[in-house]
């Protein structure tokens, strides 16, 4: 299964970054690096992104790495939604938002994320 792919909703292309269930830092880095490379190839302010973090485990190294990615991707982002947030993940996300200034919408499902993104 591909962890980074294009999906379409109501005629809009959305990048789906699926980190669900990942526990190893190297696996998270691989997905993150793949999506970052794809995002940076898109026109500025055009990317709609959903990240699924259901059941993903983070450590301080992963948190630091994820804080660095927005420095590369911010110019290309139009809107960003995250689903599967719970407990520690919410703390990680708040840390990323605070550090990067990136506006991220927390959604309860992929359908909610898709609907929110296409309205942006």
Protein backbone atom coordinates (compact mmCIF):
# COMPACT_ATOMS: atom_id res chain seq x y z
CA UNK A 1 0.00 0.00 0.00
CA UNK A 2 1.28 3.43 -0.91
CA UNK A 3 1.58 5.75 2.05
CA UNK A 4 1.54 8.94 -0.04
CA UNK A 5 -0.99 9.24 -2.83
CA UNK A 6 -3.30 11.60 -4.68
CA UNK A 7 -7.01 11.32 -4.01
CA UNK A 8 -9.81 13.38 -5.51
CA UNK A 9 -12.86 14.84 -3.83
CA UNK A 10 -15.43 17.00 -5.60
CA UNK A 11 -13.00 17.71 -8.41
CA UNK A 12 -10.15 18.78 -6.11
CA UNK A 13 -6.87 16.89 -5.88
CA UNK A 14 -5.70 16.15 -2.35
CA UNK A 15 -2.48 14.55 -1.18
CA UNK A 16 -3.15 11.78 1.35
CA UNK A 17 -0.24 11.11 3.68
CA UNK A 18 -0.96 7.88 5.57
CA UNK A 19 1.17 7.46 8.68
CA UNK A 20 -1.43 5.33 10.41
CA UNK A 21 -0.01 2.59 12.60
CA UNK A 22 3.62 3.55 12.07
CA UNK A 23 5.81 3.00 15.10
CA UNK A 24 9.37 3.21 13.79
CA UNK A 25 11.00 6.59 13.21
CA UNK A 26 12.54 5.41 9.93
CA UNK A 27 9.09 4.49 8.58
CA UNK A 28 7.66 7.89 9.59
CA UNK A 29 10.65 9.65 8.00
CA UNK A 30 10.18 7.70 4.76
CA UNK A 31 6.53 8.77 4.47
CA UNK A 32 7.32 12.34 5.45
CA UNK A 33 10.21 12.60 2.98
CA UNK A 34 8.05 11.20 0.16
CA UNK A 35 5.20 13.64 0.82
CA UNK A 36 7.58 16.59 1.25
CA UNK A 37 9.18 15.85 -2.13
CA UNK A 38 5.74 15.64 -3.78
CA UNK A 39 4.47 18.82 -2.11
CA UNK A 40 7.56 20.80 -3.15
CA UNK A 41 6.91 19.94 -6.81
CA UNK A 42 3.48 21.60 -6.77
CA UNK A 43 2.61 25.24 -7.53
CA UNK A 44 2.83 27.64 -4.61
CA UNK A 45 -0.23 27.87 -2.34
CA UNK A 46 -1.95 24.98 -4.11
CA UNK A 47 -1.59 21.85 -1.97
CA UNK A 48 -4.48 20.36 -0.06
CA UNK A 49 -3.09 17.77 2.36
CA UNK A 50 -4.59 15.18 4.69
CA UNK A 51 -2.34 13.35 7.12
CA UNK A 52 -3.71 10.27 8.87
CA UNK A 53 -1.85 9.68 12.15
CA UNK A 54 -4.19 7.10 13.67
CA UNK A 55 -2.10 4.88 15.95
CA UNK A 56 1.20 6.50 15.02
CA UNK A 57 3.90 6.63 17.71
CA UNK A 58 6.26 9.56 18.10
CA UNK A 59 9.51 10.11 19.95
CA UNK A 60 11.47 13.35 20.43
CA UNK A 61 13.56 12.70 17.31
CA UNK A 62 10.44 12.31 15.17
CA UNK A 63 8.88 15.42 16.70
CA UNK A 64 11.96 17.48 15.86
CA UNK A 65 12.03 16.16 12.30
CA UNK A 66 8.34 16.89 11.75
CA UNK A 67 8.87 20.46 12.93
CA UNK A 68 11.44 20.97 10.18
CA UNK A 69 9.28 19.88 7.21
CA UNK A 70 6.98 22.94 7.18
CA UNK A 71 10.01 25.13 6.48
CA UNK A 72 10.14 23.41 3.10
CA UNK A 73 6.45 22.86 2.43
CA UNK A 74 4.73 26.01 3.73
CA UNK A 75 5.05 27.97 0.46
CA UNK A 76 3.19 25.20 -1.40
CA UNK A 77 0.39 24.63 1.13
CA UNK A 78 -3.14 25.88 0.67
CA UNK A 79 -4.80 23.90 3.48
CA UNK A 80 -3.82 21.07 5.80
CA UNK A 81 -6.02 18.65 7.73
CA UNK A 82 -4.98 15.93 10.15
CA UNK A 83 -7.11 13.00 11.25
CA UNK A 84 -6.65 10.35 13.92
CA UNK A 85 -5.35 12.74 16.57
CA UNK A 86 -5.48 11.57 20.16
CA UNK A 87 -3.57 11.93 23.41
CA UNK A 88 0.13 12.45 22.79
CA UNK A 89 -0.47 13.14 19.10
CA UNK A 90 -2.47 16.24 20.02
CA UNK A 91 0.50 17.47 22.09
CA UNK A 92 2.84 16.78 19.15
CA UNK A 93 0.55 18.62 16.76
CA UNK A 94 0.21 21.61 19.07
CA UNK A 95 3.99 21.72 19.32
CA UNK A 96 4.34 21.65 15.52
CA UNK A 97 1.68 24.36 15.10
CA UNK A 98 3.30 26.56 17.72
CA UNK A 99 6.80 26.09 16.28
CA UNK A 100 5.88 26.52 12.60
CA UNK A 101 2.86 28.81 12.71
CA UNK A 102 1.16 26.42 10.30
CA UNK A 103 -2.65 26.33 10.53
CA UNK A 104 -3.78 22.72 10.78
CA UNK A 105 -7.42 21.57 11.02
CA UNK A 106 -8.05 18.52 13.21
CA UNK A 107 -10.72 16.25 11.74
CA UNK A 108 -12.40 13.11 13.01
CA UNK A 109 -12.52 11.27 9.67
CA UNK A 110 -11.21 11.38 6.14
CA UNK A 111 -14.64 12.47 4.93
CA UNK A 112 -14.63 15.44 7.29
CA UNK A 113 -11.10 16.36 6.19
CA UNK A 114 -12.01 16.12 2.49
CA UNK A 115 -15.09 18.29 2.92
CA UNK A 116 -13.18 20.92 4.89
CA UNK A 117 -10.30 20.99 2.38
CA UNK A 118 -12.47 21.47 -0.70
CA UNK A 119 -14.08 24.51 0.94
CA UNK A 120 -10.71 26.23 1.38
